[in-house]
Amino acid sequence: MKIKETLVQSKEKRDICNKIQPSYEMNDNITSSVRYVGADDLDIDLFESQYIVPNGISYNSYVITDEKTAVLDTIDMRKAEEWRANLQRALEGKTPDFLIIQHMEPDHAANIGWFAQEYPGATIIGSAKAIQMLPQFFENVDFEGRTQAVKEGETLCLGRHTLRFIMAPMVHWPEVMMTYEESEKILFSADAFGKFGALRHEEGWLDEARRYYLNIVGKYGTQVQGVLKKAATLDIAMICPLHGPVLKENLGYYLSYYDKWSRYEPEEDGVLVAYASIHGNTAKAARKMAGILREKGAHQVAVADLSRDDMAETVANAFRYDKMVLAASSYDAGVFPPMYDFLHHLQIKNFQNRKVGLIENGSWAPTAGRVMSCMLSDMKQIDVMEQLVTIRSSVKASDIAQMEDLADALLATK
């Protein structure tokens, strides 16, 4: 099916996709010629040393067997032994002819050096920038005469299978490319359409895909839009990402979210109330504000403690909803650091197109509102409500009246 023809899906189909993760048994055949040789990592605590992954992560790698055999990406060194065993089992004694590098990040490229030494006759294929990066990661491996840089639209024939290369720079590294297999209509999508979570863990796709995309790729919406336009010209039956499950059905569901996220459009009518509280009074104000919003008819209200809750999930929720309330204590003539950290995350992920209300707390010289407003001013199309709520130490009746005014302004139709 053409991707551009499937962007509109019924709510019923969307719900089904999110409840049931489209997965498969480890090391299973994806098709008669394409085999999965990746591995689950259930021992990792922080992906990229910053993202909590309670259900682990998968590192995906694939083998296409034909007259010539191609391996698509390696995996993280944490699971090198398992990947090498899976690869050799899938090859069934054959020697691979090609290694396709779609992404040079170490969770996908760590075993390139081993592969080059194990299979010296194989040609290593990637974008020009990927080939350029090889000696940066593998100083002691001689790649001379063993690599081939490919450009947009170039093809590689394996026999019955033909690979077409699609450049995807800055999604989310400059050397990234995707690979489209023409006969079986498979898009090997690099990091796009990936998600947190090991394959063996059953869960819906949306929440962990959102948290993955917005925190890792979120800055590069313009580049993602460019790749989606390329994908719209392809007849795609299946998407094989480098993290997460192979996507085989209702592809428009997944594409519709990538399209929305990369346009920086909110998914839902709702409010994220995020607070940074030192001794608890600002937390009480934030929870009171959440209650007022619910009483006034807000469709969804999520509350996040920036000192304790998962930062990546809070960032994802900021993008998920169309409105946000920030409540923070003043600190050292500025703002309490957890709030500063959160706003910095939003800045670098290109947060935009939202309505925001502010609550500040200060016992003698409130400064949090000024700092939050200043940081938000560096973001695109952020509509900061004029009704700044200033609390002196603890919430009082007069403060509640200000919160109600802020809620009215925030929930008013544009």
Protein backbone atom coordinates (compact mmCIF):
# COMPACT_ATOMS: atom_id res chain seq x y z
CA MET A 1 0.00 0.00 0.00
CA LYS A 2 1.13 3.55 -0.65
CA ILE A 3 1.99 5.34 2.58
CA LYS A 4 0.37 8.57 1.46
CA GLU A 5 -2.93 6.73 0.99
CA THR A 6 -2.97 5.39 4.56
CA LEU A 7 -2.37 8.44 6.75
CA VAL A 8 -6.04 8.62 7.71
CA GLN A 9 -7.04 5.70 9.91
CA SER A 10 -10.16 5.00 11.89
CA LYS A 11 -10.07 5.41 15.68
CA GLU A 12 -10.79 1.68 15.99
CA LYS A 13 -7.69 0.79 13.99
CA ARG A 14 -5.58 3.27 15.97
CA ASP A 15 -6.71 1.73 19.24
CA ILE A 16 -5.94 -1.78 18.02
CA CYS A 17 -2.45 -0.76 16.95
CA ASN A 18 -1.67 0.78 20.29
CA LYS A 19 -2.93 -2.16 22.35
CA ILE A 20 -1.14 -4.91 20.45
CA GLN A 21 2.54 -4.62 19.70
CA PRO A 22 3.25 -6.09 16.24
CA SER A 23 6.07 -8.42 17.14
CA TYR A 24 7.54 -11.80 16.26
CA GLU A 25 9.68 -14.48 17.82
CA MET A 26 13.36 -13.66 18.15
CA ASN A 27 15.45 -14.85 15.17
CA ASP A 28 12.30 -15.66 13.21
CA ASN A 29 12.04 -15.28 9.45
CA ILE A 30 10.42 -11.96 8.57
CA THR A 31 9.89 -13.31 5.06
CA SER A 32 11.32 -16.37 3.34
CA SER A 33 14.39 -14.35 2.39
CA VAL A 34 14.68 -11.80 5.20
CA ARG A 35 15.71 -12.86 8.67
CA TYR A 36 15.97 -10.99 11.95
CA VAL A 37 19.33 -11.45 13.71
CA GLY A 38 19.15 -8.74 16.39
CA ALA A 39 18.97 -9.11 20.14
CA ASP A 40 17.06 -7.88 23.17
CA ASP A 41 18.90 -6.07 25.95
CA LEU A 42 17.07 -6.52 29.24
CA ASP A 43 20.07 -5.58 31.40
CA ILE A 44 20.51 -1.98 30.29
CA ASP A 45 19.42 0.67 32.80
CA LEU A 46 19.85 3.86 30.76
CA PHE A 47 19.69 3.98 26.98
CA GLU A 48 22.22 6.50 25.65
CA SER A 49 23.16 6.94 29.32
CA GLN A 50 20.09 9.11 29.93
CA TYR A 51 16.79 7.43 29.04
CA ILE A 52 15.19 5.03 31.51
CA VAL A 53 14.20 1.81 29.75
CA PRO A 54 12.35 -0.35 32.29
CA ASN A 55 11.44 -2.87 29.60
CA GLY A 56 14.85 -2.89 27.93
CA ILE A 57 15.63 -2.18 24.29
CA SER A 58 16.05 -4.20 21.12
CA TYR A 59 18.98 -3.80 18.74
CA ASN A 60 17.77 -4.87 15.32
CA SER A 61 19.80 -6.32 12.48
CA TYR A 62 18.65 -8.15 9.36
CA VAL A 63 19.97 -10.56 6.75
CA ILE A 64 18.69 -10.81 3.16
CA THR A 65 19.58 -14.11 1.49
CA ASP A 66 19.62 -14.25 -2.32
CA GLU A 67 22.21 -14.93 -5.02
CA LYS A 68 24.20 -12.47 -2.98
CA THR A 69 23.73 -12.00 0.76
CA ALA A 70 23.43 -8.65 2.51
CA VAL A 71 23.57 -7.90 6.22
CA LEU A 72 21.81 -4.71 7.29
CA ASP A 73 23.57 -3.14 10.28
CA THR A 74 25.28 -4.71 13.27
CA ILE A 75 24.27 -4.10 16.89
CA ASP A 76 25.55 -2.77 20.22
CA MET A 77 28.68 -4.30 21.70
CA ARG A 78 26.64 -5.18 24.80
CA LYS A 79 25.04 -7.98 22.77
CA ALA A 80 27.88 -8.70 20.34
CA GLU A 81 28.22 -12.38 21.19
CA GLU A 82 24.52 -13.04 20.71
CA TRP A 83 24.41 -11.09 17.45
CA ARG A 84 27.41 -12.94 16.02
CA ALA A 85 25.84 -16.28 16.84
CA ASN A 86 22.50 -15.21 15.34
CA LEU A 87 24.23 -13.96 12.20
CA GLN A 88 26.23 -17.10 11.64
CA ARG A 89 23.15 -19.24 12.21
CA ALA A 90 21.15 -17.21 9.68
CA LEU A 91 23.95 -17.35 7.10
CA GLU A 92 23.89 -21.16 7.24
CA GLY A 93 27.51 -21.41 6.12
CA LYS A 94 27.30 -18.72 3.45
CA THR A 95 29.68 -15.79 3.36
CA PRO A 96 27.99 -12.38 3.27
CA ASP A 97 28.71 -10.25 0.23
CA PHE A 98 27.65 -6.91 1.68
CA LEU A 99 27.24 -5.06 4.96
CA ILE A 100 24.80 -2.18 4.64
CA ILE A 101 25.45 0.61 7.16
CA GLN A 102 22.37 2.72 7.73
CA HIS A 103 23.54 4.42 10.93
CA MET A 104 26.96 4.74 12.55
CA GLU A 105 25.80 5.21 16.13
CA PRO A 106 27.50 2.56 18.30
CA ASP A 107 24.28 0.79 19.29
CA HIS A 108 24.03 -0.22 15.62
CA ALA A 109 27.61 -0.07 14.35
CA ALA A 110 29.77 -1.43 17.18
CA ASN A 111 30.45 -4.74 15.42
CA ILE A 112 31.51 -3.37 12.04
CA GLY A 113 35.17 -3.86 12.92
CA TRP A 114 34.58 -7.51 13.82
CA PHE A 115 32.54 -8.03 10.65
CA ALA A 116 35.29 -6.53 8.48
CA GLN A 117 37.87 -8.87 9.97
CA GLU A 118 35.59 -11.94 9.94
CA TYR A 119 34.44 -11.43 6.34
CA PRO A 120 37.30 -9.70 4.50
CA GLY A 121 35.68 -10.28 1.09
CA ALA A 122 32.48 -8.41 1.94
CA THR A 123 31.88 -4.89 0.65
CA ILE A 124 30.79 -2.34 3.23
CA ILE A 125 28.15 0.04 1.85
CA GLY A 126 26.94 3.29 3.34
CA SER A 127 26.51 6.98 2.69
CA ALA A 128 29.64 8.99 2.00
CA LYS A 129 29.53 10.38 5.54
CA ALA A 130 29.15 6.89 7.02
CA ILE A 131 32.21 5.68 5.12
CA GLN A 132 34.07 8.78 6.30
CA MET A 133 33.19 7.98 9.92
CA LEU A 134 34.45 4.38 9.86
CA PRO A 135 38.07 5.11 10.88
CA GLN A 136 36.83 7.42 13.62
CA PHE A 137 35.34 4.39 15.37
CA PHE A 138 37.68 1.64 14.12
CA GLU A 139 41.21 3.03 14.05
CA ASN A 140 42.94 -0.31 13.63
CA VAL A 141 40.75 -1.74 10.86
CA ASP A 142 41.92 -1.36 7.27
CA PHE A 143 38.89 -0.39 5.15
CA GLU A 144 40.95 0.47 2.07
CA GLY A 145 39.26 -0.88 -1.08
CA ARG A 146 36.48 -2.49 0.92
CA THR A 147 33.88 0.25 1.04
CA GLN A 148 31.35 1.71 -1.38
CA ALA A 149 29.65 5.05 -0.84
CA VAL A 150 26.15 5.28 -2.29
CA LYS A 151 23.95 8.24 -3.17
CA GLU A 152 20.24 8.98 -3.18
CA GLY A 153 18.32 6.54 -5.38
CA GLU A 154 21.22 4.26 -6.23
CA THR A 155 20.45 0.55 -6.21
CA LEU A 156 22.14 -2.74 -5.40
CA CYS A 157 20.93 -5.97 -7.00
CA LEU A 158 21.21 -9.13 -4.90
CA GLY A 159 19.38 -11.33 -7.42
CA ARG A 160 15.62 -11.33 -6.94
CA HIS A 161 16.00 -8.53 -4.41
CA THR A 162 17.00 -4.98 -5.25
CA LEU A 163 17.99 -2.48 -2.59
CA ARG A 164 17.36 1.21 -3.20
CA PHE A 165 19.15 3.67 -0.93
CA ILE A 166 17.36 6.68 0.52
CA MET A 167 19.41 9.37 2.21
CA ALA A 168 18.02 10.55 5.58
CA PRO A 169 20.56 13.08 6.88
CA MET A 170 20.00 14.31 10.44
CA VAL A 171 17.37 11.70 11.22
CA HIS A 172 19.10 11.89 13.56
CA TRP A 173 22.81 11.79 12.55
CA PRO A 174 24.20 13.27 9.31
CA GLU A 175 25.23 9.95 7.76
CA VAL A 176 21.88 8.15 8.12
CA MET A 177 20.24 6.43 5.20
CA MET A 178 17.31 4.06 4.78
CA THR A 179 17.09 1.07 2.48
CA TYR A 180 14.04 0.07 0.44
CA GLU A 181 13.84 -3.50 -0.82
CA GLU A 182 11.82 -3.32 -4.04
CA SER A 183 10.58 -6.89 -4.56
CA GLU A 184 9.10 -7.41 -1.09
CA LYS A 185 8.36 -3.70 -0.51
CA ILE A 186 10.25 -3.50 2.78
CA LEU A 187 11.55 -0.22 4.17
CA PHE A 188 14.55 -0.69 6.44
CA SER A 189 14.08 2.59 8.26
CA ALA A 190 17.19 3.04 10.44
CA ASP A 191 16.19 4.69 13.74
CA ALA A 192 12.87 5.95 12.34
CA PHE A 193 9.74 4.17 13.62
CA GLY A 194 11.68 2.70 16.52
CA LYS A 195 10.63 2.49 20.13
CA PHE A 196 11.97 1.70 23.57
CA GLY A 197 11.27 -1.78 24.92
CA ALA A 198 12.62 -5.26 24.20
CA LEU A 199 10.76 -7.30 21.59
CA ARG A 200 9.87 -10.01 24.06
CA HIS A 201 8.02 -7.48 26.21
CA GLU A 202 4.41 -7.13 25.10
CA GLU A 203 3.12 -3.58 25.13
CA GLY A 204 1.43 -1.05 22.89
CA TRP A 205 3.53 0.84 20.39
CA LEU A 206 2.50 4.45 20.91
CA ASP A 207 3.70 5.51 24.37
CA GLU A 208 7.25 4.21 24.08
CA ALA A 209 7.51 5.22 20.42
CA ARG A 210 6.50 8.76 21.39
CA ARG A 211 9.00 8.88 24.24
CA TYR A 212 11.70 7.51 21.91
CA TYR A 213 11.02 9.82 18.98
CA LEU A 214 10.51 13.12 20.81
CA ASN A 215 13.57 12.73 23.01
CA ILE A 216 15.98 11.33 20.42
CA VAL A 217 14.80 12.63 17.05
CA GLY A 218 12.50 15.45 18.17
CA LYS A 219 14.80 18.31 17.19
CA TYR A 220 14.83 17.27 13.54
CA GLY A 221 11.21 17.67 12.48
CA THR A 222 12.08 19.37 9.20
CA GLN A 223 14.39 16.53 8.21
CA VAL A 224 11.80 13.92 9.20
CA GLN A 225 9.23 15.68 7.03
CA GLY A 226 11.65 15.41 4.13
CA VAL A 227 12.04 11.67 4.61
CA LEU A 228 8.26 11.20 4.95
CA LYS A 229 7.83 12.86 1.57
CA LYS A 230 10.27 10.35 0.09
CA ALA A 231 8.42 7.49 1.80
CA ALA A 232 5.13 8.72 0.33
CA THR A 233 6.43 7.82 -3.14
CA LEU A 234 7.13 4.21 -2.15
CA ASP A 235 4.81 1.21 -2.07
CA ILE A 236 5.62 -0.06 1.43
CA ALA A 237 4.30 -3.33 2.83
CA MET A 238 6.53 -3.53 5.90
CA ILE A 239 8.80 -1.31 8.00
CA CYS A 240 11.88 -2.78 9.69
CA PRO A 241 13.39 -0.28 12.19
CA LEU A 242 16.62 -0.56 14.14
CA HIS A 243 14.77 -0.58 17.48
CA GLY A 244 11.40 -2.07 18.25
CA PRO A 245 9.04 -4.35 16.33
CA VAL A 246 8.72 -4.89 12.62
CA LEU A 247 5.57 -3.06 11.49
CA LYS A 248 3.45 -5.10 9.10
CA GLU A 249 -0.13 -3.81 9.26
CA ASN A 250 -1.98 -0.49 9.37
CA LEU A 251 1.16 1.39 8.42
CA GLY A 252 -0.78 4.63 8.16
CA TYR A 253 -1.23 4.56 11.93
CA TYR A 254 2.51 4.80 12.52
CA LEU A 255 3.10 7.28 9.71
CA SER A 256 0.34 9.56 10.98
CA TYR A 257 2.08 9.97 14.34
CA TYR A 258 5.47 10.60 12.75
CA ASP A 259 3.86 13.19 10.53
CA LYS A 260 2.20 14.92 13.51
CA TRP A 261 5.28 14.77 15.74
CA SER A 262 7.60 16.12 13.06
CA ARG A 263 5.20 19.02 12.40
CA TYR A 264 5.25 19.79 16.16
CA GLU A 265 1.49 19.47 16.31
CA PRO A 266 -0.12 18.30 19.58
CA GLU A 267 -1.77 14.90 19.61
CA GLU A 268 -4.47 15.74 22.11
CA ASP A 269 -6.41 18.56 23.72
CA GLY A 270 -4.94 18.45 27.22
CA VAL A 271 -2.68 20.10 29.78
CA LEU A 272 0.64 19.04 31.24
CA VAL A 273 1.20 20.55 34.71
CA ALA A 274 4.93 20.28 35.43
CA TYR A 275 6.32 21.53 38.72
CA ALA A 276 9.66 22.00 40.47
CA SER A 277 9.13 22.33 44.23
CA ILE A 278 11.71 22.62 46.99
CA HIS A 279 9.73 22.08 50.21
CA GLY A 280 6.31 21.09 48.86
CA ASN A 281 4.36 24.35 48.66
CA THR A 282 4.85 24.74 44.92
CA ALA A 283 3.83 21.10 44.52
CA LYS A 284 0.59 21.85 46.38
CA ALA A 285 -0.02 24.80 44.06
CA ALA A 286 0.55 22.63 40.99
CA ARG A 287 -1.82 19.93 42.19
CA LYS A 288 -4.42 22.57 43.03
CA MET A 289 -4.01 24.01 39.53
CA ALA A 290 -4.52 20.56 38.03
CA GLY A 291 -7.75 20.19 40.00
CA ILE A 292 -9.00 23.58 38.84
CA LEU A 293 -8.27 22.68 35.21
CA ARG A 294 -10.21 19.42 35.56
CA GLU A 295 -13.15 21.23 37.19
CA LYS A 296 -13.20 23.70 34.31
CA GLY A 297 -13.42 20.94 31.74
CA ALA A 298 -9.87 20.21 30.58
CA HIS A 299 -10.04 16.99 28.58
CA GLN A 300 -6.79 15.53 29.89
CA VAL A 301 -4.55 16.74 32.73
CA ALA A 302 -1.17 15.13 33.45
CA VAL A 303 0.94 16.16 36.45
CA ALA A 304 4.73 15.75 36.60
CA ASP A 305 7.16 16.26 39.47
CA LEU A 306 10.31 17.43 37.69
CA SER A 307 12.48 16.45 40.65
CA ARG A 308 11.36 12.82 40.59
CA ASP A 309 9.48 11.78 37.47
CA ASP A 310 11.09 10.49 34.29
CA MET A 311 12.30 13.52 32.34
CA ALA A 312 11.92 11.78 28.98
CA GLU A 313 8.28 10.95 29.65
CA THR A 314 7.58 14.50 30.79
CA VAL A 315 9.17 15.90 27.63
CA ALA A 316 7.03 13.51 25.56
CA ASN A 317 3.88 14.67 27.38
CA ALA A 318 4.78 18.30 26.77
CA PHE A 319 4.67 17.52 23.05
CA ARG A 320 1.61 15.30 23.43
CA TYR A 321 -0.73 17.99 24.76
CA ASP A 322 -1.57 21.42 23.36
CA LYS A 323 -1.24 23.29 26.68
CA MET A 324 1.13 23.35 29.62
CA VAL A 325 1.38 24.91 33.08
CA LEU A 326 4.80 25.38 34.64
CA ALA A 327 5.03 25.86 38.41
CA ALA A 328 8.41 26.52 39.97
CA SER A 329 10.10 27.84 43.09
CA SER A 330 12.50 30.74 42.82
CA TYR A 331 16.08 29.74 43.57
CA ASP A 332 19.33 31.73 43.74
CA ALA A 333 17.68 34.68 41.98
CA GLY A 334 16.58 32.35 39.22
CA VAL A 335 14.47 29.21 38.97
CA PHE A 336 14.75 25.89 40.81
CA PRO A 337 17.16 23.77 38.68
CA PRO A 338 14.79 20.89 37.84
CA MET A 339 12.58 23.39 35.99
CA TYR A 340 15.57 24.92 34.24
CA ASP A 341 16.65 21.43 33.17
CA PHE A 342 13.18 20.64 31.82
CA LEU A 343 12.97 23.87 29.83
CA HIS A 344 16.46 23.26 28.47
CA HIS A 345 15.32 19.84 27.24
CA LEU A 346 12.34 21.46 25.51
CA GLN A 347 14.57 24.09 23.91
CA ILE A 348 16.96 21.60 22.37
CA LYS A 349 14.09 19.42 21.13
CA ASN A 350 12.55 22.34 19.24
CA PHE A 351 9.40 22.63 21.38
CA GLN A 352 6.84 24.95 19.77
CA ASN A 353 3.20 25.73 19.00
CA ARG A 354 1.81 25.52 22.53
CA LYS A 355 -0.10 27.64 25.10
CA VAL A 356 1.70 27.95 28.44
CA GLY A 357 0.69 29.26 31.85
CA LEU A 358 3.18 30.13 34.60
CA ILE A 359 3.09 29.85 38.39
CA GLU A 360 6.04 31.13 40.42
CA ASN A 361 6.75 30.89 44.13
CA GLY A 362 9.11 33.09 46.12
CA SER A 363 9.25 34.04 49.79
CA TRP A 364 10.95 37.44 49.30
CA ALA A 365 11.84 38.11 45.64
CA PRO A 366 10.03 35.82 43.17
CA THR A 367 12.18 35.31 40.08
CA ALA A 368 11.04 31.97 38.66
CA GLY A 369 8.39 33.48 36.39
CA ARG A 370 10.87 35.83 34.73
CA VAL A 371 13.37 33.03 34.04
CA MET A 372 10.73 30.62 32.73
CA SER A 373 9.26 33.31 30.50
CA CYS A 374 12.71 34.18 29.16
CA MET A 375 13.51 30.56 28.31
CA LEU A 376 10.14 30.10 26.63
CA SER A 377 10.72 33.23 24.55
CA ASP A 378 13.55 31.41 22.77
CA MET A 379 11.06 28.80 21.50
CA LYS A 380 8.84 29.17 18.44
CA GLN A 381 5.20 30.18 18.65
CA ILE A 382 4.81 29.77 22.40
CA ASP A 383 1.80 31.69 23.66
CA VAL A 384 2.56 32.56 27.31
CA MET A 385 -0.55 33.62 29.22
CA GLU A 386 -0.46 37.11 30.71
CA GLN A 387 -1.98 35.82 33.95
CA LEU A 388 1.25 35.06 35.84
CA VAL A 389 0.39 33.56 39.24
CA THR A 390 2.80 34.66 41.97
CA ILE A 391 2.71 32.80 45.28
CA ARG A 392 4.44 34.05 48.38
CA SER A 393 5.61 30.95 50.26
CA SER A 394 2.31 29.01 50.44
CA VAL A 395 -0.99 28.89 48.57
CA LYS A 396 -3.68 31.28 49.85
CA ALA A 397 -7.26 32.03 48.82
CA SER A 398 -6.15 34.98 46.70
CA ASP A 399 -3.73 32.71 44.84
CA ILE A 400 -6.54 30.28 44.01
CA ALA A 401 -8.50 33.11 42.43
CA GLN A 402 -5.45 33.89 40.26
CA MET A 403 -5.16 30.21 39.29
CA GLU A 404 -8.78 30.17 38.19
CA ASP A 405 -8.15 33.21 36.01
CA LEU A 406 -5.12 31.48 34.50
CA ALA A 407 -7.13 28.30 33.86
CA ASP A 408 -9.84 30.33 32.10
CA ALA A 409 -7.28 32.00 29.88
CA LEU A 410 -5.51 28.73 29.12
CA LEU A 411 -8.68 26.84 28.25
CA ALA A 412 -10.25 29.66 26.23
CA THR A 413 -10.69 28.87 22.54
CA LYS A 414 -8.06 30.53 20.38
